[in-house]
Every structure is written in C-alpha cells, then in structure tokens.
N, C-alpha and C. Protein backbone atom coordinates (compact mmCIF):
# COMPACT_ATOMS: atom_id res chain seq x y z
N MET A 1 109.32 186.59 124.82
CA MET A 1 108.35 187.05 124.11
C MET A 1 107.43 185.07 123.89
N ALA A 2 106.45 185.33 123.56
CA ALA A 2 104.79 184.26 123.55
C ALA A 2 105.29 183.11 123.00
N ASP A 3 104.99 182.32 123.59
CA ASP A 3 104.74 180.71 123.45
C ASP A 3 104.91 180.50 121.98
N TYR A 4 105.57 180.21 121.32
CA TYR A 4 105.81 179.56 119.71
C TYR A 4 103.90 178.93 119.56
N ASN A 5 103.83 178.48 119.55
CA ASN A 5 102.29 177.28 119.13
C ASN A 5 101.10 178.80 119.34
N THR A 6 101.60 180.02 120.46
CA THR A 6 100.47 180.98 120.28
C THR A 6 100.54 181.74 119.66
N LEU A 7 101.72 182.30 118.82
CA LEU A 7 102.10 182.97 117.48
C LEU A 7 101.53 182.53 116.56
N ALA A 8 101.69 180.84 116.50
CA ALA A 8 101.51 180.28 115.02
C ALA A 8 100.59 179.60 115.01
N ARG A 9 99.64 179.93 115.70
CA ARG A 9 98.39 179.15 115.59
C ARG A 9 97.13 180.05 114.58
N PRO A 10 96.71 181.46 114.58
CA PRO A 10 96.68 181.69 114.34
C PRO A 10 96.71 181.77 112.39
N TYR A 11 98.41 182.24 111.91
CA TYR A 11 98.89 181.37 110.55
C TYR A 11 98.38 180.42 110.66
N ALA A 12 98.86 179.01 111.33
CA ALA A 12 98.38 178.40 110.64
C ALA A 12 97.14 177.51 110.05
N LYS A 13 95.70 178.37 111.38
CA LYS A 13 94.43 177.99 110.90
C LYS A 13 94.09 178.57 110.02
N ALA A 14 94.59 180.42 109.67
CA ALA A 14 94.27 180.78 108.02
C ALA A 14 94.67 180.51 107.01
N ALA A 15 95.83 179.78 106.82
CA ALA A 15 96.34 178.87 105.80
C ALA A 15 96.06 177.71 106.00
N PHE A 16 94.57 177.17 106.64
CA PHE A 16 94.60 176.05 106.50
C PHE A 16 92.74 176.30 106.49
N GLU A 17 92.01 177.09 106.95
CA GLU A 17 90.85 177.73 106.14
C GLU A 17 90.90 177.55 104.99
N TYR A 18 91.62 178.87 104.08
CA TYR A 18 91.65 179.01 102.86
C TYR A 18 92.05 177.63 101.82
N ALA A 19 93.29 177.45 102.39
CA ALA A 19 93.78 175.90 101.45
C ALA A 19 91.66 175.45 101.49
N LEU A 20 91.41 174.49 102.17
CA LEU A 20 90.59 173.71 102.51
C LEU A 20 88.94 174.60 101.75
N SER A 21 89.50 176.17 102.01
CA SER A 21 87.85 176.33 101.11
C SER A 21 88.82 176.51 99.40
N GLU A 22 89.81 176.70 99.00
CA GLU A 22 89.75 177.07 97.11
C GLU A 22 90.43 174.93 96.84
N GLY A 23 89.85 174.65 98.03
CA GLY A 23 90.52 172.60 97.75
C GLY A 23 91.66 172.66 97.28
N LYS A 24 92.55 173.21 97.87
CA LYS A 24 93.94 172.97 97.84
C LYS A 24 94.68 172.52 99.22
N LEU A 25 94.33 171.49 100.48
CA LEU A 25 94.93 170.86 101.50
C LEU A 25 96.14 170.04 101.13
N ALA A 26 96.04 169.50 99.92
CA ALA A 26 97.54 169.35 99.34
C ALA A 26 98.72 170.12 99.00
N ASP A 27 97.77 170.50 98.28
CA ASP A 27 99.20 172.10 97.67
C ASP A 27 99.98 172.56 98.99
N TRP A 28 99.20 173.18 99.57
CA TRP A 28 99.47 173.84 100.87
C TRP A 28 100.56 172.74 101.56
N SER A 29 99.99 172.27 101.95
CA SER A 29 100.69 171.17 103.13
C SER A 29 102.16 170.44 102.04
N ALA A 30 102.00 170.54 101.10
CA ALA A 30 103.65 170.31 100.35
C ALA A 30 104.69 171.80 100.24
N MET A 31 103.56 173.04 100.31
CA MET A 31 104.25 173.89 100.16
C MET A 31 104.76 173.99 101.05
N LEU A 32 103.87 174.28 102.10
CA LEU A 32 104.54 174.02 103.77
C LEU A 32 106.14 173.79 104.37
N GLY A 33 105.99 172.04 104.18
CA GLY A 33 106.30 171.69 104.36
C GLY A 33 107.92 171.62 103.62
N LEU A 34 107.98 172.53 102.11
CA LEU A 34 109.43 172.98 101.42
C LEU A 34 109.88 173.98 102.46
N VAL A 35 108.54 175.05 102.98
CA VAL A 35 108.43 176.14 103.43
C VAL A 35 110.12 176.02 105.07
N ALA A 36 108.92 175.02 105.67
CA ALA A 36 109.48 174.64 106.55
C ALA A 36 110.72 173.62 106.99
N GLU A 37 111.45 172.58 105.41
CA GLU A 37 112.21 171.98 105.55
C GLU A 37 113.70 173.30 105.54
N ALA A 38 113.75 174.50 104.67
CA ALA A 38 114.22 175.22 103.90
C ALA A 38 113.99 176.06 105.27
N ALA A 39 112.84 176.77 105.79
CA ALA A 39 113.62 177.66 107.94
C ALA A 39 113.72 176.61 108.27
N SER A 40 114.04 175.01 108.00
CA SER A 40 115.03 174.48 109.45
C SER A 40 116.89 174.51 109.20
N ASN A 41 116.78 174.30 107.80
CA ASN A 41 117.81 174.33 107.76
C ASN A 41 118.98 175.88 108.22
N LYS A 42 120.18 174.98 109.09
CA LYS A 42 120.74 175.76 110.43
C LYS A 42 121.11 177.38 109.37
N GLU A 43 121.92 177.55 108.12
CA GLU A 43 122.11 178.10 107.45
C GLU A 43 120.74 179.29 107.38
N VAL A 44 119.96 178.30 107.01
CA VAL A 44 119.11 179.77 106.47
C VAL A 44 117.72 180.59 107.41
N ALA A 45 118.14 179.71 108.66
CA ALA A 45 117.54 179.96 110.26
C ALA A 45 118.60 181.16 110.76
N VAL A 46 120.16 181.35 110.74
CA VAL A 46 120.51 182.65 111.09
C VAL A 46 120.25 183.08 109.57
N PHE A 47 120.08 183.68 108.64
CA PHE A 47 119.57 183.99 108.10
C PHE A 47 118.65 185.70 108.11
N LEU A 48 117.38 184.17 108.21
CA LEU A 48 116.41 183.85 109.09
C LEU A 48 115.73 185.20 110.01
N LEU A 49 116.73 184.72 111.58
CA LEU A 49 116.74 185.49 112.45
C LEU A 49 117.92 186.86 112.41
N ASN A 50 118.47 186.96 111.48
CA ASN A 50 119.41 188.08 111.25
C ASN A 50 118.34 189.49 111.23
N PRO A 51 118.39 190.27 112.12
CA PRO A 51 117.23 191.52 112.64
C PRO A 51 117.45 192.70 111.59
N SER A 52 119.11 192.89 111.97
CA SER A 52 119.61 193.78 110.11
C SER A 52 119.22 194.02 108.73
N LEU A 53 118.50 192.50 108.65
CA LEU A 53 118.23 192.42 107.41
C LEU A 53 116.35 193.12 106.30
N SER A 54 116.44 192.69 105.92
CA SER A 54 114.46 193.99 105.87
C SER A 54 114.58 192.19 106.26
N SER A 55 112.15 192.39 105.77
CA SER A 55 111.59 191.41 105.38
C SER A 55 111.53 190.88 104.66
N ASP A 56 111.21 191.99 103.21
CA ASP A 56 111.63 192.02 102.09
C ASP A 56 112.63 190.76 101.72
N VAL A 57 113.89 190.91 101.95
CA VAL A 57 115.02 190.10 101.46
C VAL A 57 115.13 188.67 102.16
N LYS A 58 114.24 188.23 103.64
CA LYS A 58 114.15 187.21 104.24
C LYS A 58 113.45 186.66 103.54
N ALA A 59 112.20 187.32 102.58
CA ALA A 59 111.35 186.57 102.06
C ALA A 59 111.45 186.35 100.43
N GLU A 60 112.52 186.92 99.91
CA GLU A 60 112.63 186.65 98.40
C GLU A 60 113.53 185.24 98.85
N LEU A 61 114.16 185.08 99.47
CA LEU A 61 115.53 184.10 99.74
C LEU A 61 114.24 183.02 99.88
N LEU A 62 113.39 182.77 101.03
CA LEU A 62 113.13 181.84 100.85
C LEU A 62 111.82 181.38 99.92
N LEU A 63 111.38 182.42 99.18
CA LEU A 63 110.51 182.15 98.29
C LEU A 63 111.59 181.94 96.93
N GLU A 64 112.49 182.54 96.96
CA GLU A 64 113.54 181.74 95.94
C GLU A 64 113.96 180.21 96.15
N ILE A 65 114.38 179.82 97.13
CA ILE A 65 115.20 178.43 97.47
C ILE A 65 113.52 177.25 97.31
N CYS A 66 112.34 177.75 97.68
CA CYS A 66 111.37 176.96 97.34
C CYS A 66 110.27 177.85 96.27
N GLN A 67 110.60 177.91 95.27
CA GLN A 67 110.12 178.78 93.59
C GLN A 67 109.56 177.50 93.58
N ALA A 68 109.79 176.17 93.77
CA ALA A 68 108.68 175.49 92.66
C ALA A 68 107.33 174.64 92.60
N LYS A 69 106.99 174.85 94.07
CA LYS A 69 106.28 174.73 94.91
C LYS A 69 105.14 175.85 95.44
N ILE A 70 105.83 176.95 95.11
CA ILE A 70 104.91 178.20 95.24
C ILE A 70 104.40 179.02 94.41
N ASP A 71 103.11 179.11 95.04
CA ASP A 71 102.42 180.35 93.65
C ASP A 71 102.01 182.07 94.64
N ASP A 72 101.06 182.63 93.41
CA ASP A 72 100.82 183.73 94.00
C ASP A 72 100.30 183.82 95.30
N GLN A 73 99.02 183.24 95.87
CA GLN A 73 98.56 183.37 97.46
C GLN A 73 99.95 182.50 98.32
N SER A 74 100.70 181.68 97.91
CA SER A 74 101.48 180.89 99.03
C SER A 74 102.66 182.31 98.91
N SER A 75 103.12 183.73 97.92
CA SER A 75 103.96 184.48 98.21
C SER A 75 103.61 185.25 98.93
N ASN A 76 102.37 185.71 98.90
CA ASN A 76 101.73 186.44 99.98
C ASN A 76 101.49 185.88 100.70
N PHE A 77 101.23 185.02 101.74
CA PHE A 77 101.45 184.13 103.01
C PHE A 77 102.53 184.25 103.87
N ILE A 78 103.61 184.06 102.81
CA ILE A 78 104.72 184.18 102.78
C ILE A 78 105.64 185.35 103.28
N LYS A 79 105.12 185.89 102.36
CA LYS A 79 105.55 187.58 103.14
C LYS A 79 105.43 188.40 104.18
N LEU A 80 103.15 188.03 103.91
CA LEU A 80 102.69 188.68 105.15
C LEU A 80 104.29 187.79 106.79
N LEU A 81 104.22 186.54 106.44
CA LEU A 81 104.90 186.16 108.01
C LEU A 81 106.08 187.08 107.76
N SER A 82 106.91 186.87 107.05
CA SER A 82 107.70 187.90 107.09
C SER A 82 108.12 189.36 107.54
N GLU A 83 106.57 190.08 106.83
CA GLU A 83 106.21 191.71 107.71
C GLU A 83 105.89 191.40 109.19
N LYS A 84 105.76 190.90 109.91
CA LYS A 84 105.21 190.06 111.06
C LYS A 84 106.02 189.36 112.00
N SER A 85 107.09 189.84 111.15
CA SER A 85 108.50 188.94 111.69
C SER A 85 108.43 187.16 112.08
N ARG A 86 107.54 186.67 111.30
CA ARG A 86 107.05 185.40 111.89
C ARG A 86 108.15 184.05 110.54
N LEU A 87 108.96 185.08 110.52
CA LEU A 87 109.03 183.90 109.15
C LEU A 87 110.23 182.36 110.23
N PRO A 88 111.05 182.88 111.28
CA PRO A 88 110.84 181.53 112.03
C PRO A 88 110.51 181.27 112.66
N LEU A 89 108.58 181.22 112.65
CA LEU A 89 107.79 179.55 113.46
C LEU A 89 106.45 178.70 112.09
N ILE A 90 107.43 179.21 110.93
CA ILE A 90 107.09 178.33 109.71
C ILE A 90 106.91 177.06 110.40
N PRO A 91 107.74 176.47 111.08
CA PRO A 91 108.59 175.35 111.18
C PRO A 91 106.81 174.40 112.08
N VAL A 92 106.64 175.72 112.87
CA VAL A 92 105.49 175.32 113.92
C VAL A 92 104.44 175.15 113.09
N ILE A 93 103.97 176.69 112.12
CA ILE A 93 102.87 176.33 111.14
C ILE A 93 102.88 175.19 109.85
N ALA A 94 103.41 175.07 110.07
CA ALA A 94 103.23 173.62 109.42
C ALA A 94 103.32 172.59 110.08
N GLY A 95 103.47 172.28 111.01
CA GLY A 95 103.39 171.36 112.43
C GLY A 95 101.27 171.32 112.36
N MET A 96 100.97 172.52 112.47
CA MET A 96 99.71 173.30 112.90
C MET A 96 98.71 172.71 111.74
N TYR A 97 99.62 173.42 111.00
CA TYR A 97 98.03 173.25 109.69
C TYR A 97 98.07 171.26 108.98
N GLU A 98 99.09 170.63 109.15
CA GLU A 98 98.81 169.62 109.55
C GLU A 98 98.21 168.54 110.27
N ALA A 99 98.20 169.50 111.38
CA ALA A 99 97.26 168.64 112.58
C ALA A 99 95.91 169.18 112.24
N PHE A 100 95.60 170.50 112.47
CA PHE A 100 94.36 170.40 110.81
C PHE A 100 94.04 169.75 110.13
N ARG A 101 95.04 169.90 109.47
CA ARG A 101 94.32 168.67 108.00
C ARG A 101 94.05 167.42 108.39
N ALA A 102 94.66 166.71 109.35
CA ALA A 102 94.52 165.07 109.69
C ALA A 102 93.35 165.07 110.53
N GLU A 103 92.60 165.73 110.95
CA GLU A 103 92.15 166.42 111.67
C GLU A 103 89.87 165.90 110.55
N GLN A 104 90.83 167.31 110.12
CA GLN A 104 89.95 167.18 108.88
C GLN A 104 89.21 166.61 107.58
N GLU A 105 90.27 165.31 107.38
CA GLU A 105 90.60 164.12 107.00
C GLU A 105 89.87 162.76 107.70
N LYS A 106 90.27 163.35 108.90
CA LYS A 106 89.75 161.93 109.90
C LYS A 106 91.19 160.83 109.59
N SER A 107 92.43 161.42 109.72
CA SER A 107 93.35 160.60 109.81
C SER A 107 94.37 160.83 110.76
N VAL A 108 95.47 159.86 111.25
CA VAL A 108 96.30 160.02 112.18
C VAL A 108 96.92 159.26 111.97
N GLU A 109 98.69 159.98 112.20
CA GLU A 109 99.85 158.51 112.16
C GLU A 109 100.16 158.32 112.98
N ALA A 110 100.45 157.24 112.89
CA ALA A 110 101.32 156.04 114.36
C ALA A 110 102.34 156.24 113.89
N ILE A 111 102.68 156.79 114.75
CA ILE A 111 104.73 155.64 114.91
C ILE A 111 105.05 154.98 115.74
N VAL A 112 105.58 154.09 114.48
CA VAL A 112 105.38 152.59 115.67
C VAL A 112 107.13 151.66 115.93
N THR A 113 107.36 151.82 117.06
CA THR A 113 108.81 151.31 117.20
C THR A 113 108.79 150.50 117.97
N SER A 114 109.84 149.31 116.39
CA SER A 114 109.18 147.71 116.42
C SER A 114 111.36 147.57 116.66
N ALA A 115 111.81 146.51 117.45
CA ALA A 115 112.72 145.82 117.85
C ALA A 115 113.34 145.21 116.40
N PHE A 116 111.80 145.35 115.84
CA PHE A 116 112.56 144.57 114.19
C PHE A 116 112.07 145.28 112.72
N ALA A 117 112.47 145.02 111.83
CA ALA A 117 111.69 145.01 110.60
C ALA A 117 109.96 144.45 110.62
N LEU A 118 109.52 145.40 110.92
CA LEU A 118 108.08 145.16 110.34
C LEU A 118 107.71 144.36 108.95
N GLU A 119 107.38 143.21 108.61
CA GLU A 119 106.20 142.14 107.45
C GLU A 119 105.52 142.92 106.85
N ALA A 120 104.90 143.62 105.37
CA ALA A 120 103.71 144.50 105.01
C ALA A 120 102.68 143.87 105.80
N ASP A 121 101.96 142.57 105.86
CA ASP A 121 101.12 142.03 106.91
C ASP A 121 101.14 142.29 107.99
N GLN A 122 102.66 142.38 108.68
CA GLN A 122 102.25 142.32 109.79
C GLN A 122 102.13 144.70 110.41
N GLN A 123 102.38 145.02 109.07
CA GLN A 123 101.95 146.57 109.45
C GLN A 123 100.77 146.94 109.03
N GLN A 124 99.86 146.26 107.92
CA GLN A 124 98.84 146.02 107.55
C GLN A 124 97.55 145.81 109.12
N LEU A 125 98.44 144.41 109.33
CA LEU A 125 96.88 144.14 110.60
C LEU A 125 97.44 145.08 111.51
N LEU A 126 98.40 145.57 112.00
CA LEU A 126 98.84 147.52 113.15
C LEU A 126 97.51 148.50 112.50
N VAL A 127 97.44 148.43 111.76
CA VAL A 127 96.56 149.66 110.89
C VAL A 127 95.27 149.29 110.70
N ASN A 128 95.04 148.22 110.34
CA ASN A 128 93.69 147.43 110.95
C ASN A 128 93.27 147.54 112.38
N ALA A 129 93.81 147.42 113.01
CA ALA A 129 93.00 147.13 114.63
C ALA A 129 93.56 149.10 115.03
N LEU A 130 94.12 149.40 114.88
CA LEU A 130 94.27 151.39 114.84
C LEU A 130 93.14 151.37 114.06
N ARG A 131 92.87 151.53 113.37
CA ARG A 131 92.00 152.49 112.69
C ARG A 131 90.24 151.76 113.22
N LYS A 132 90.52 150.80 113.81
CA LYS A 132 88.54 149.98 114.14
C LYS A 132 89.19 150.69 115.44
N ARG A 133 90.14 151.02 115.82
CA ARG A 133 90.57 151.91 118.09
C ARG A 133 89.73 153.53 117.99
N LEU A 134 90.87 154.15 117.12
CA LEU A 134 90.81 155.19 116.47
C LEU A 134 89.56 155.75 115.53
N ASN A 135 89.05 154.92 114.84
CA ASN A 135 87.81 155.65 114.19
C ASN A 135 88.28 156.68 113.82
N ARG A 136 89.60 156.06 112.87
CA ARG A 136 90.26 157.12 112.15
C ARG A 136 91.11 156.00 110.95
N GLU A 137 90.91 156.91 109.41
CA GLU A 137 92.06 156.28 108.68
C GLU A 137 94.24 156.39 109.65
N VAL A 138 94.64 155.25 109.22
CA VAL A 138 96.10 155.64 109.83
C VAL A 138 96.79 155.21 109.10
N THR A 139 98.35 156.31 109.12
CA THR A 139 99.51 155.64 108.69
C THR A 139 99.98 155.87 109.56
N LEU A 140 101.36 154.68 109.17
CA LEU A 140 102.39 154.11 110.08
C LEU A 140 103.33 154.69 109.18
N LYS A 141 104.28 154.82 110.46
CA LYS A 141 105.59 155.23 110.62
C LYS A 141 106.65 154.89 111.92
N VAL A 142 106.87 153.88 111.17
CA VAL A 142 108.19 151.84 111.47
C VAL A 142 109.14 152.89 111.79
N GLU A 143 109.67 152.45 112.76
CA GLU A 143 111.24 152.45 113.25
C GLU A 143 111.47 151.60 113.78
N ILE A 144 113.42 151.01 113.84
CA ILE A 144 113.60 150.33 114.78
C ILE A 144 113.88 151.04 115.90
N ASP A 145 114.43 150.07 116.92
CA ASP A 145 114.93 150.25 118.30
C ASP A 145 115.59 149.08 118.90
N LYS A 146 116.84 148.53 118.36
CA LYS A 146 117.20 147.03 118.96
C LYS A 146 116.63 146.56 120.62
N ARG A 147 117.24 148.60 121.34
CA ARG A 147 116.59 148.15 122.08
C ARG A 147 115.67 147.56 123.63
N LEU A 148 114.34 147.54 122.38
CA LEU A 148 113.00 146.87 123.07
C LEU A 148 113.33 145.29 123.26
N ILE A 149 113.52 144.63 122.33
CA ILE A 149 114.39 143.41 121.92
C ILE A 149 113.01 142.85 121.70
N GLY A 150 111.45 143.05 121.62
CA GLY A 150 110.72 142.31 121.20
C GLY A 150 109.64 143.20 121.22
N GLY A 151 108.08 143.13 120.97
CA GLY A 151 106.86 143.53 120.61
C GLY A 151 107.37 144.93 119.92
N VAL A 152 106.14 146.13 120.14
CA VAL A 152 106.13 147.20 119.27
C VAL A 152 105.71 148.37 120.71
N ILE A 153 106.01 149.42 119.99
CA ILE A 153 105.49 150.79 121.06
C ILE A 153 104.18 151.32 119.53
N ILE A 154 103.34 152.29 119.93
CA ILE A 154 102.56 152.61 119.18
C ILE A 154 102.13 153.93 120.25
N ARG A 155 102.69 155.07 118.85
CA ARG A 155 102.31 156.50 119.86
C ARG A 155 101.52 156.89 118.53
N THR A 156 100.54 157.94 119.18
CA THR A 156 99.92 158.55 117.96
C THR A 156 98.82 160.16 119.79
N GLY A 157 99.09 161.18 118.67
CA GLY A 157 98.75 162.00 119.98
C GLY A 157 99.27 161.72 121.04
N ASP A 158 97.89 161.38 121.86
CA ASP A 158 98.52 161.58 123.39
C ASP A 158 98.92 160.16 123.63
N LEU A 159 97.82 159.22 123.18
CA LEU A 159 98.23 157.77 123.09
C LEU A 159 99.34 157.49 123.13
N VAL A 160 99.96 156.02 123.85
CA VAL A 160 101.27 155.15 123.52
C VAL A 160 100.13 153.91 124.27
N ILE A 161 101.13 152.67 123.35
CA ILE A 161 100.49 151.83 124.18
C ILE A 161 101.96 151.32 123.74
N ASP A 162 102.55 150.54 125.02
CA ASP A 162 103.46 149.79 124.92
C ASP A 162 103.27 148.60 125.30
N GLY A 163 103.45 147.40 124.02
CA GLY A 163 104.06 146.18 123.61
C GLY A 163 105.38 145.62 124.14
N SER A 164 106.10 146.57 123.91
CA SER A 164 107.21 146.19 123.95
C SER A 164 108.04 144.73 125.35
N ILE A 165 108.54 144.36 124.75
CA ILE A 165 108.82 143.45 125.70
C ILE A 165 110.00 143.94 126.99
N ARG A 166 110.65 144.81 126.57
CA ARG A 166 111.71 145.95 128.11
C ARG A 166 110.87 146.99 128.69
N GLY A 167 109.46 147.36 128.21
CA GLY A 167 108.56 148.11 128.85
C GLY A 167 108.14 146.75 130.46
N LYS A 168 107.64 145.18 129.55
CA LYS A 168 106.99 144.74 130.25
C LYS A 168 108.02 143.76 131.31
N ILE A 169 109.31 144.09 130.83
CA ILE A 169 110.04 143.84 132.04
C ILE A 169 110.30 144.87 132.94
N ALA A 170 110.32 146.15 132.27
CA ALA A 170 110.16 147.23 133.69
C ALA A 170 109.18 148.02 134.43
N LYS A 171 107.62 146.92 134.02
CA LYS A 171 106.43 147.28 134.97
C LYS A 171 107.19 146.21 135.89
N LEU A 172 107.90 144.78 135.37
CA LEU A 172 107.96 143.72 136.37
C LEU A 172 109.20 144.32 137.12
N ALA A 173 109.65 144.74 136.67
CA ALA A 173 110.96 145.13 137.83
C ALA A 173 110.71 145.89 138.45
N GLU A 174 109.54 147.32 138.21
CA GLU A 174 109.32 148.47 139.35
C GLU A 174 107.84 147.51 140.28
N SER A 175 107.36 146.54 139.86
CA SER A 175 106.12 146.05 140.55
C SER A 175 106.43 145.16 141.76
N LEU A 176 108.50 144.18 141.48
CA LEU A 176 108.89 143.86 142.27
C LEU A 176 109.02 144.92 143.73
N LYS A 177 109.83 145.94 142.73
CA LYS A 177 110.65 146.78 143.99
C LYS A 177 109.56 147.21 145.11
N SER A 178 108.36 147.71 144.80
CA SER A 178 107.11 147.77 145.78
C SER A 178 106.02 147.03 146.72
C-alpha cells in the first residue's frame, strides 16, 4: 500500500483549504483532533479496520463518538473518508492539517526538553529567542528528562538545538575518541 503521508495529503489539503475559505481553521482543527484521537483508540481502530463492516457503519461510529464537534461539512468529510476506506488515516490527516495551519499562521511548536521544570520567565526567554531566530510565532511544549543533567534540547521541525550537559559530554567523549 502507498505511504500513509501520500494518501493523507490530498485530504488534509482539501480540509485545510475548505476551513481557510470558510474562516473555520480553529473549528476544523478541533474536530480533526477529536476524530483523530477517537480513531487512535485501540478498540475504535480495530473497528475501523474490520473489513466486514460497511463504510456507513464505520462513519456513523465516529460521528456518534465525536458528535459535539461535528457539523454538516465535517460529517460529509468523515463519510467521504469512510467511502474511500481512508478512516485509518485520520491521525495522519489531522497532523498534516495542523502543519498546513501552522504554516498559514506563521506559527511553530517547539518541544523543549529540560532536566528540570522551567520557570515562566525562562520559558518566555526561550519563546522570544526562538521567535527572533525562526521569524514565527512560537508555542512551547516543555518536557522533563532528568538524564540531561542540565541545559535544554529544543526541537522544532527539522531544527534541533542541543544545549544539554549530556550532549556536551557526549561531544567531548566523541572528540576524545578521535
């Protein structure tokens, strides 16, 4: 079967273009996030992959689970995905949609891994520095990993900045080996 990204891209792009034209980027983001979360549930995923069930039954299950965030256009989108046997791609579609939205809004999520919890002023300093470097709005997602010893590792897109003590020790050890 073709790569999931290749299969999901046209659906994500179509959903994004529709939401953009209607001014509903946030609404579709919330809907796709909810549907992706539901589709990622182990029991629901097994149900969606069951070949003996009709596409209508699969679509109705997702629509029932996510009814709070589903409008007519969203419902039509879910039904189309079901008819084309693309419901298992919803998490990939949602991820691509978010990437299109971030590009449109000139925003990016930076994952900051630190040995210790960062205070609000430290987080703001990181946001300001990343905003200046990337020329985009930045939202931080902070993770704690005590193995870093100190410092931070920042990941956003294909950019990785390793300012951790563990990383510096690894570089030093590598240079001593050569």
